[in-house]
């Protein structure tokens, strides 16, 4: 089932360039020895050392100065193999060279994991897709650029192994480019978009791993750039939709996600400007009502009084209060409770499924 098939963990910056998968496949095709992890590490260091003689740092790959140090270590240290064998998950990184070896050994192992996660390697051998990938010519632009044929095979594998989260990231990137947001608004956008993804998947994998979610976005956005899936005019490239339409189940899922994203755009981005006004109006309404409140020492104001003064619907008030609760800049100034001084049988307001009746604001909302 498509919804259950997706990569649940990624490691930034180690997985930001798809081209590393091709290097792993090329190495795996010819490798016959027994120390795969170390020898692949040496292979990548040698490859990057040759490239960095012609160019400067490449985003998403180890830095030029690091590669020079590691290349020198491998070629001028007789015991380098024993030294590399020492590095395990539990090894302490005692000095600078230790940290550089450990970090880059780890990076190369993640390149291999990504090749496996995307179906290019299985049981330590190349799959049909892996074999196809290494027959394709490299781009003449630079080391990590992808040709059209390389792009197509990577897109196909991403659609096969990471379909729904990858599509969500494409829409996320499209929205991010279309709607410039302030820092606090971006935080709310991330929170609500993450919730949409978890709800669609029927899982909490990303909700429970917020750091991984941020890594996920950064990594996938780099892939989207490498695959040139969003054009300069912020239009999703036709070749993606063409590849999706070739599979009935994927086409159905894509249509469902597109409908959901149109609704998300309407209910979130169309209200961002109103949210900016709401914060100002809410603060002034709160202060106005509080001034005449006999329980001045308490500071809590009934939301029905706020609603009446602001002339706002229950639905919109709940929506904006939830946005405010997601706003890291302002939520420390907002407190809710459901306590009443007298019998009040009116329906409670809901913020993230929590019933509330009163609000307290301790500072100016930004």
Foldseek 3Di string as FASTA:
>chain_A
DQLVFADLFDDPLLQQFLLLLLLLLVCLAPDDDDPSLVVSLLVVLVVVQVQCVPHAADPSDDGNVLSVVVNCCVVPPPCVVVVLVPDDPPDDQDDDNSVSSNVSSVSNVSSVVVNVLLQQDDPSHGDPLSVVLNVDDQDPPGSRAHDLVNLVSSLLSCCVRHNLVLVLLLLVVLVCVVDPDDPLLVLLVLVVSLVVSCVVSVHCSCVVPVVRVVVVSSSSVSSCVSSVQADPVSDGDPVSVVSQVVDPVSNVVVVVVVVVSVVVCVLRVVCPVVLVVVLQLLVVQLVVVLVVDPPVVVQKDFVVSSCVVVVHDLVVVLSSVLSQCSRPVANVQKDFAADDPDDDPDAFRDHPNDGTTIMGGRDRDD
